[in-house]
Amino acid sequence: MHTYLSNDKIKTIANYLNNAIPKKTLEYILFWENKGIEFNYNDFHNGHTQNIQKIWNYISVEILKQNNQQSKDLKRLIDGGHFFEAGEIINKYINVNYKQEYETVKNTNLPDIYNKICGINGILFNSHLHKSINLNELLQSQNYEKYLTDNFGESTIPTELLKETERIAKIIDSQYYGRRGIKEYQKYQYAIKEYMISGDKNLLHNLLNIE
């Protein structure tokens, strides 16, 4: 599908991401993903909760593998259904070993960020992009603007199609004298219809210039 985002729209999305997921935050997201955690990026309702739970599950397994008193206590509590007490052990372990890595991701709602990308000023909808931006791939690239440019920019479109768009745009601009807006469009279209019916140039002039 030969659709693309303009440079201005790409910069808008990239600027938003640079604020929502700065380099340090990105570093911690990739830290967990490099450990094999696959974050949920698309479920706006439950995705963030699932992401936090995935980190807890990973850490729980990490503790249980250590075969020490802490791991034995955790296993005993889990087996006994004492999940609140088990959670306290996991939480203490996080604070000692992964405090910053955990807190950063906990405070970064990835599905919410993805939802906002799709809705920034209606960019994707209004542009009729008809392509999905994969937030995971975007983050893995570690360069938001470059990834968007390489995958959704004007350079992805065959030159002949861009030339055809430019040719059509020039024709439209010459007909409408560069006028913009739905009101101007409706006025122009109505004037053409009435002139095609009547052939009255006076009427055509008045309809084109009516306020």
C-alpha atoms as a PDB file:
ATOM      1  CA  MET A   1       0.000   0.000   0.000  1.00  0.00           C
ATOM      2  CA  HIS A   2       1.612   3.234  -1.205  1.00  0.00           C
ATOM      3  CA  THR A   3       0.623   5.621   1.590  1.00  0.00           C
ATOM      4  CA  TYR A   4       2.977   7.682   3.735  1.00  0.00           C
ATOM      5  CA  LEU A   5       3.319  10.254   6.515  1.00  0.00           C
ATOM      6  CA  SER A   6       4.679  13.728   5.829  1.00  0.00           C
ATOM      7  CA  ASN A   7       7.891  14.849   7.550  1.00  0.00           C
ATOM      8  CA  ASP A   8       5.890  17.190   9.800  1.00  0.00           C
ATOM      9  CA  LYS A   9       3.636  14.364  10.975  1.00  0.00           C
ATOM     10  CA  ILE A  10       6.603  12.075  11.552  1.00  0.00           C
ATOM     11  CA  LYS A  11       8.269  14.765  13.661  1.00  0.00           C
ATOM     12  CA  THR A  12       5.063  15.212  15.681  1.00  0.00           C
ATOM     13  CA  ILE A  13       4.955  11.510  16.539  1.00  0.00           C
ATOM     14  CA  ALA A  14       8.717  11.346  17.213  1.00  0.00           C
ATOM     15  CA  ASN A  15       8.589  14.403  19.489  1.00  0.00           C
ATOM     16  CA  TYR A  16       5.740  12.883  21.463  1.00  0.00           C
ATOM     17  CA  LEU A  17       7.653   9.612  21.872  1.00  0.00           C
ATOM     18  CA  ASN A  18      10.845  11.386  22.890  1.00  0.00           C
ATOM     19  CA  ASN A  19       8.877  12.935  25.755  1.00  0.00           C
ATOM     20  CA  ALA A  20       6.784   9.863  26.620  1.00  0.00           C
ATOM     21  CA  ILE A  21       9.641   7.350  26.342  1.00  0.00           C
ATOM     22  CA  PRO A  22      12.969   9.166  26.750  1.00  0.00           C
ATOM     23  CA  LYS A  23      16.266   7.316  26.321  1.00  0.00           C
ATOM     24  CA  LYS A  24      16.552   6.130  29.930  1.00  0.00           C
ATOM     25  CA  THR A  25      12.999   4.795  29.949  1.00  0.00           C
ATOM     26  CA  LEU A  26      13.635   3.063  26.637  1.00  0.00           C
ATOM     27  CA  GLU A  27      16.782   1.531  28.099  1.00  0.00           C
ATOM     28  CA  TYR A  28      14.782  -0.063  30.918  1.00  0.00           C
ATOM     29  CA  ILE A  29      12.012  -1.300  28.609  1.00  0.00           C
ATOM     30  CA  LEU A  30      14.600  -2.999  26.411  1.00  0.00           C
ATOM     31  CA  PHE A  31      16.331  -4.307  29.554  1.00  0.00           C
ATOM     32  CA  TRP A  32      13.261  -6.389  30.397  1.00  0.00           C
ATOM     33  CA  GLU A  33      12.566  -7.402  26.824  1.00  0.00           C
ATOM     34  CA  ASN A  34      16.147  -8.633  26.465  1.00  0.00           C
ATOM     35  CA  LYS A  35      15.392 -10.928  29.401  1.00  0.00           C
ATOM     36  CA  GLY A  36      12.631 -12.512  27.340  1.00  0.00           C
ATOM     37  CA  ILE A  37       9.626 -10.524  28.592  1.00  0.00           C
ATOM     38  CA  GLU A  38       7.206  -9.733  25.763  1.00  0.00           C
ATOM     39  CA  PHE A  39       5.314  -6.624  26.727  1.00  0.00           C
ATOM     40  CA  ASN A  40       1.732  -6.019  25.657  1.00  0.00           C
ATOM     41  CA  TYR A  41       1.580  -2.858  23.529  1.00  0.00           C
ATOM     42  CA  ASN A  42      -1.951  -2.972  22.176  1.00  0.00           C
ATOM     43  CA  ASP A  43      -4.438  -3.840  24.939  1.00  0.00           C
ATOM     44  CA  PHE A  44      -5.514  -0.409  26.157  1.00  0.00           C
ATOM     45  CA  HIS A  45      -7.672  -1.823  28.962  1.00  0.00           C
ATOM     46  CA  ASN A  46      -5.487  -4.523  30.567  1.00  0.00           C
ATOM     47  CA  GLY A  47      -2.115  -4.327  28.822  1.00  0.00           C
ATOM     48  CA  HIS A  48      -0.300  -2.227  31.409  1.00  0.00           C
ATOM     49  CA  THR A  49      -1.407  -4.475  34.278  1.00  0.00           C
ATOM     50  CA  GLN A  50      -0.293  -7.508  32.280  1.00  0.00           C
ATOM     51  CA  ASN A  51       3.113  -5.936  31.660  1.00  0.00           C
ATOM     52  CA  ILE A  52       3.696  -5.349  35.374  1.00  0.00           C
ATOM     53  CA  GLN A  53       2.566  -8.897  36.133  1.00  0.00           C
ATOM     54  CA  LYS A  54       5.013 -10.263  33.563  1.00  0.00           C
ATOM     55  CA  ILE A  55       7.900  -8.561  35.384  1.00  0.00           C
ATOM     56  CA  TRP A  56       6.692  -9.974  38.703  1.00  0.00           C
ATOM     57  CA  ASN A  57       6.442 -13.454  37.200  1.00  0.00           C
ATOM     58  CA  TYR A  58       9.953 -13.174  35.815  1.00  0.00           C
ATOM     59  CA  ILE A  59      11.354 -12.049  39.161  1.00  0.00           C
ATOM     60  CA  SER A  60       9.425 -14.734  41.024  1.00  0.00           C
ATOM     61  CA  VAL A  61      11.035 -17.403  38.836  1.00  0.00           C
ATOM     62  CA  GLU A  62      14.437 -15.754  39.296  1.00  0.00           C
ATOM     63  CA  ILE A  63      14.100 -15.940  43.094  1.00  0.00           C
ATOM     64  CA  LEU A  64      12.886 -19.550  43.045  1.00  0.00           C
ATOM     65  CA  LYS A  65      15.906 -20.619  40.996  1.00  0.00           C
ATOM     66  CA  GLN A  66      18.368 -19.357  43.612  1.00  0.00           C
ATOM     67  CA  ASN A  67      17.828 -22.266  45.997  1.00  0.00           C
ATOM     68  CA  ASN A  68      18.417 -20.240  49.160  1.00  0.00           C
ATOM     69  CA  GLN A  69      16.304 -19.420  52.188  1.00  0.00           C
ATOM     70  CA  GLN A  70      14.509 -16.616  50.364  1.00  0.00           C
ATOM     71  CA  SER A  71      13.569 -18.918  47.495  1.00  0.00           C
ATOM     72  CA  LYS A  72      12.398 -21.605  49.939  1.00  0.00           C
ATOM     73  CA  ASP A  73      10.253 -19.081  51.803  1.00  0.00           C
ATOM     74  CA  LEU A  74       8.732 -17.830  48.559  1.00  0.00           C
ATOM     75  CA  LYS A  75       7.929 -21.343  47.359  1.00  0.00           C
ATOM     76  CA  ARG A  76       6.340 -22.222  50.691  1.00  0.00           C
ATOM     77  CA  LEU A  77       4.149 -19.121  50.638  1.00  0.00           C
ATOM     78  CA  ILE A  78       3.088 -19.626  47.028  1.00  0.00           C
ATOM     79  CA  ASP A  79       2.330 -23.310  47.574  1.00  0.00           C
ATOM     80  CA  GLY A  80       0.316 -22.385  50.651  1.00  0.00           C
ATOM     81  CA  GLY A  81      -1.678 -19.749  48.800  1.00  0.00           C
ATOM     82  CA  HIS A  82      -0.240 -16.893  50.844  1.00  0.00           C
ATOM     83  CA  PHE A  83       0.146 -14.604  47.858  1.00  0.00           C
ATOM     84  CA  PHE A  84       0.205 -11.332  49.784  1.00  0.00           C
ATOM     85  CA  GLU A  85       3.172 -12.473  51.874  1.00  0.00           C
ATOM     86  CA  ALA A  86       4.829 -13.907  48.749  1.00  0.00           C
ATOM     87  CA  GLY A  87       4.353 -10.528  47.097  1.00  0.00           C
ATOM     88  CA  GLU A  88       6.189  -8.843  49.947  1.00  0.00           C
ATOM     89  CA  ILE A  89       9.233 -11.033  49.308  1.00  0.00           C
ATOM     90  CA  ILE A  90       9.136 -10.227  45.604  1.00  0.00           C
ATOM     91  CA  ASN A  91       8.710  -6.532  46.296  1.00  0.00           C
ATOM     92  CA  LYS A  92      11.712  -6.476  48.648  1.00  0.00           C
ATOM     93  CA  TYR A  93      13.769  -8.310  46.022  1.00  0.00           C
ATOM     94  CA  ILE A  94      12.752  -5.734  43.421  1.00  0.00           C
ATOM     95  CA  ASN A  95      13.751  -2.841  45.681  1.00  0.00           C
ATOM     96  CA  VAL A  96      17.197  -4.347  46.188  1.00  0.00           C
ATOM     97  CA  ASN A  97      17.925  -5.567  42.648  1.00  0.00           C
ATOM     98  CA  TYR A  98      15.627  -3.884  40.118  1.00  0.00           C
ATOM     99  CA  LYS A  99      14.148  -0.793  41.750  1.00  0.00           C
ATOM    100  CA  GLN A 100      14.810   1.708  38.957  1.00  0.00           C
ATOM    101  CA  GLU A 101      14.211  -0.772  36.145  1.00  0.00           C
ATOM    102  CA  TYR A 102      10.890  -1.808  37.652  1.00  0.00           C
ATOM    103  CA  GLU A 103       9.602   1.612  38.725  1.00  0.00           C
ATOM    104  CA  THR A 104      10.344   3.141  35.340  1.00  0.00           C
ATOM    105  CA  VAL A 105       8.336   0.540  33.432  1.00  0.00           C
ATOM    106  CA  LYS A 106       5.611   0.585  36.073  1.00  0.00           C
ATOM    107  CA  ASN A 107       5.173   4.307  35.414  1.00  0.00           C
ATOM    108  CA  THR A 108       5.217   3.866  31.625  1.00  0.00           C
ATOM    109  CA  ASN A 109       1.884   2.703  30.233  1.00  0.00           C
ATOM    110  CA  LEU A 110       2.901   1.290  26.858  1.00  0.00           C
ATOM    111  CA  PRO A 111      -0.624   0.525  25.544  1.00  0.00           C
ATOM    112  CA  ASP A 112      -1.703   4.055  26.480  1.00  0.00           C
ATOM    113  CA  ILE A 113       1.288   5.480  24.597  1.00  0.00           C
ATOM    114  CA  TYR A 114       0.460   3.323  21.567  1.00  0.00           C
ATOM    115  CA  ASN A 115      -3.152   4.494  21.714  1.00  0.00           C
ATOM    116  CA  LYS A 116      -1.986   8.122  21.755  1.00  0.00           C
ATOM    117  CA  ILE A 117       0.327   7.526  18.785  1.00  0.00           C
ATOM    118  CA  CYS A 118      -2.664   6.321  16.792  1.00  0.00           C
ATOM    119  CA  GLY A 119      -4.669   9.347  17.897  1.00  0.00           C
ATOM    120  CA  ILE A 120      -2.196  12.236  17.846  1.00  0.00           C
ATOM    121  CA  ASN A 121      -4.337  14.917  16.190  1.00  0.00           C
ATOM    122  CA  GLY A 122      -5.960  12.084  14.266  1.00  0.00           C
ATOM    123  CA  ILE A 123      -2.724  11.819  12.276  1.00  0.00           C
ATOM    124  CA  LEU A 124      -3.056   8.242  11.129  1.00  0.00           C
ATOM    125  CA  PHE A 125      -6.808   8.497  10.509  1.00  0.00           C
ATOM    126  CA  ASN A 126      -6.780  11.863   8.769  1.00  0.00           C
ATOM    127  CA  SER A 127      -3.794  10.897   6.650  1.00  0.00           C
ATOM    128  CA  HIS A 128      -5.520   7.665   5.559  1.00  0.00           C
ATOM    129  CA  LEU A 129      -2.230   5.919   6.257  1.00  0.00           C
ATOM    130  CA  HIS A 130      -3.859   2.479   6.473  1.00  0.00           C
ATOM    131  CA  LYS A 131      -0.672   1.058   7.972  1.00  0.00           C
ATOM    132  CA  SER A 132      -0.059   0.014  11.550  1.00  0.00           C
ATOM    133  CA  ILE A 133       2.813   1.476  13.538  1.00  0.00           C
ATOM    134  CA  ASN A 134       4.367  -1.351  15.555  1.00  0.00           C
ATOM    135  CA  LEU A 135       5.411   0.277  18.835  1.00  0.00           C
ATOM    136  CA  ASN A 136       7.629  -2.653  19.783  1.00  0.00           C
ATOM    137  CA  GLU A 137       9.576  -2.402  16.515  1.00  0.00           C
ATOM    138  CA  LEU A 138       9.688   1.363  16.903  1.00  0.00           C
ATOM    139  CA  LEU A 139      11.254   1.082  20.355  1.00  0.00           C
ATOM    140  CA  GLN A 140      13.660  -1.641  19.252  1.00  0.00           C
ATOM    141  CA  SER A 141      14.961   0.721  16.558  1.00  0.00           C
ATOM    142  CA  GLN A 142      15.966   3.174  19.353  1.00  0.00           C
ATOM    143  CA  ASN A 143      15.579   6.080  16.911  1.00  0.00           C
ATOM    144  CA  TYR A 144      11.950   7.078  16.580  1.00  0.00           C
ATOM    145  CA  GLU A 145      12.207   9.616  13.780  1.00  0.00           C
ATOM    146  CA  LYS A 146      14.550   7.486  11.660  1.00  0.00           C
ATOM    147  CA  TYR A 147      12.345   4.413  12.021  1.00  0.00           C
ATOM    148  CA  LEU A 148       9.216   6.341  11.049  1.00  0.00           C
ATOM    149  CA  THR A 149      11.003   7.995   8.121  1.00  0.00           C
ATOM    150  CA  ASP A 150      12.439   4.719   6.847  1.00  0.00           C
ATOM    151  CA  ASN A 151       9.156   2.817   7.165  1.00  0.00           C
ATOM    152  CA  PHE A 152       6.415   5.426   6.716  1.00  0.00           C
ATOM    153  CA  GLY A 153       8.103   8.409   5.072  1.00  0.00           C
ATOM    154  CA  GLU A 154       7.843   9.828   1.579  1.00  0.00           C
ATOM    155  CA  SER A 155      10.984   7.927   0.535  1.00  0.00           C
ATOM    156  CA  THR A 156       8.996   4.654   0.729  1.00  0.00           C
ATOM    157  CA  ILE A 157       6.749   5.758  -2.155  1.00  0.00           C
ATOM    158  CA  PRO A 158       7.650   5.118  -5.834  1.00  0.00           C
ATOM    159  CA  THR A 159       8.752   8.352  -7.513  1.00  0.00           C
ATOM    160  CA  GLU A 160       6.234   8.063 -10.334  1.00  0.00           C
ATOM    161  CA  LEU A 161       3.336   7.997  -7.849  1.00  0.00           C
ATOM    162  CA  LEU A 162       4.603  11.127  -6.090  1.00  0.00           C
ATOM    163  CA  LYS A 163       4.907  12.884  -9.463  1.00  0.00           C
ATOM    164  CA  GLU A 164       1.342  11.917 -10.307  1.00  0.00           C
ATOM    165  CA  THR A 165       0.092  13.285  -6.973  1.00  0.00           C
ATOM    166  CA  GLU A 166       1.975  16.545  -7.603  1.00  0.00           C
ATOM    167  CA  ARG A 167       0.473  16.823 -11.109  1.00  0.00           C
ATOM    168  CA  ILE A 168      -3.070  16.325  -9.796  1.00  0.00           C
ATOM    169  CA  ALA A 169      -2.509  18.792  -6.943  1.00  0.00           C
ATOM    170  CA  LYS A 170      -1.387  21.473  -9.405  1.00  0.00           C
ATOM    171  CA  ILE A 171      -4.498  20.922 -11.531  1.00  0.00           C
ATOM    172  CA  ILE A 172      -6.772  21.227  -8.486  1.00  0.00           C
ATOM    173  CA  ASP A 173      -4.953  24.344  -7.254  1.00  0.00           C
ATOM    174  CA  SER A 174      -5.272  25.950 -10.689  1.00  0.00           C
ATOM    175  CA  GLN A 175      -9.018  25.281 -10.705  1.00  0.00           C
ATOM    176  CA  TYR A 176      -9.671  26.495  -7.174  1.00  0.00           C
ATOM    177  CA  TYR A 177      -7.064  29.284  -7.228  1.00  0.00           C
ATOM    178  CA  GLY A 178      -5.534  27.833  -4.079  1.00  0.00           C
ATOM    179  CA  ARG A 179      -8.744  28.223  -2.085  1.00  0.00           C
ATOM    180  CA  ARG A 180      -9.109  25.884   0.878  1.00  0.00           C
ATOM    181  CA  GLY A 181     -11.895  24.683   3.136  1.00  0.00           C
ATOM    182  CA  ILE A 182     -15.171  22.824   2.796  1.00  0.00           C
ATOM    183  CA  LYS A 183     -17.147  26.048   2.274  1.00  0.00           C
ATOM    184  CA  GLU A 184     -15.040  27.043  -0.744  1.00  0.00           C
ATOM    185  CA  TYR A 185     -15.234  23.520  -2.138  1.00  0.00           C
ATOM    186  CA  GLN A 186     -19.021  23.361  -1.867  1.00  0.00           C
ATOM    187  CA  LYS A 187     -19.387  26.832  -3.385  1.00  0.00           C
ATOM    188  CA  TYR A 188     -17.149  25.936  -6.333  1.00  0.00           C
ATOM    189  CA  GLN A 189     -18.863  22.612  -6.981  1.00  0.00           C
ATOM    190  CA  TYR A 190     -22.311  24.194  -6.851  1.00  0.00           C
ATOM    191  CA  ALA A 191     -21.259  26.956  -9.252  1.00  0.00           C
ATOM    192  CA  ILE A 192     -19.931  24.399 -11.745  1.00  0.00           C
ATOM    193  CA  LYS A 193     -23.161  22.390 -11.587  1.00  0.00           C
ATOM    194  CA  GLU A 194     -25.347  25.450 -12.179  1.00  0.00           C
ATOM    195  CA  TYR A 195     -23.134  26.648 -15.050  1.00  0.00           C
ATOM    196  CA  MET A 196     -23.211  23.182 -16.668  1.00  0.00           C
ATOM    197  CA  ILE A 197     -27.013  23.319 -16.522  1.00  0.00           C
ATOM    198  CA  SER A 198     -27.576  26.957 -17.582  1.00  0.00           C
ATOM    199  CA  GLY A 199     -24.453  28.109 -19.413  1.00  0.00           C
ATOM    200  CA  ASP A 200     -24.982  31.474 -17.673  1.00  0.00           C
ATOM    201  CA  LYS A 201     -21.555  33.096 -17.099  1.00  0.00           C
ATOM    202  CA  ASN A 202     -23.081  35.876 -15.030  1.00  0.00           C
ATOM    203  CA  LEU A 203     -24.584  33.299 -12.688  1.00  0.00           C
ATOM    204  CA  LEU A 204     -21.263  31.399 -12.596  1.00  0.00           C
ATOM    205  CA  HIS A 205     -19.401  34.577 -11.602  1.00  0.00           C
ATOM    206  CA  ASN A 206     -21.881  35.477  -8.891  1.00  0.00           C
ATOM    207  CA  LEU A 207     -21.902  31.985  -7.410  1.00  0.00           C
ATOM    208  CA  LEU A 208     -18.104  31.846  -7.341  1.00  0.00           C
ATOM    209  CA  ASN A 209     -17.826  35.210  -5.617  1.00  0.00           C
ATOM    210  CA  ILE A 210     -20.800  35.200  -3.313  1.00  0.00           C
ATOM    211  CA  GLU A 211     -19.954  35.828   0.346  1.00  0.00           C
END
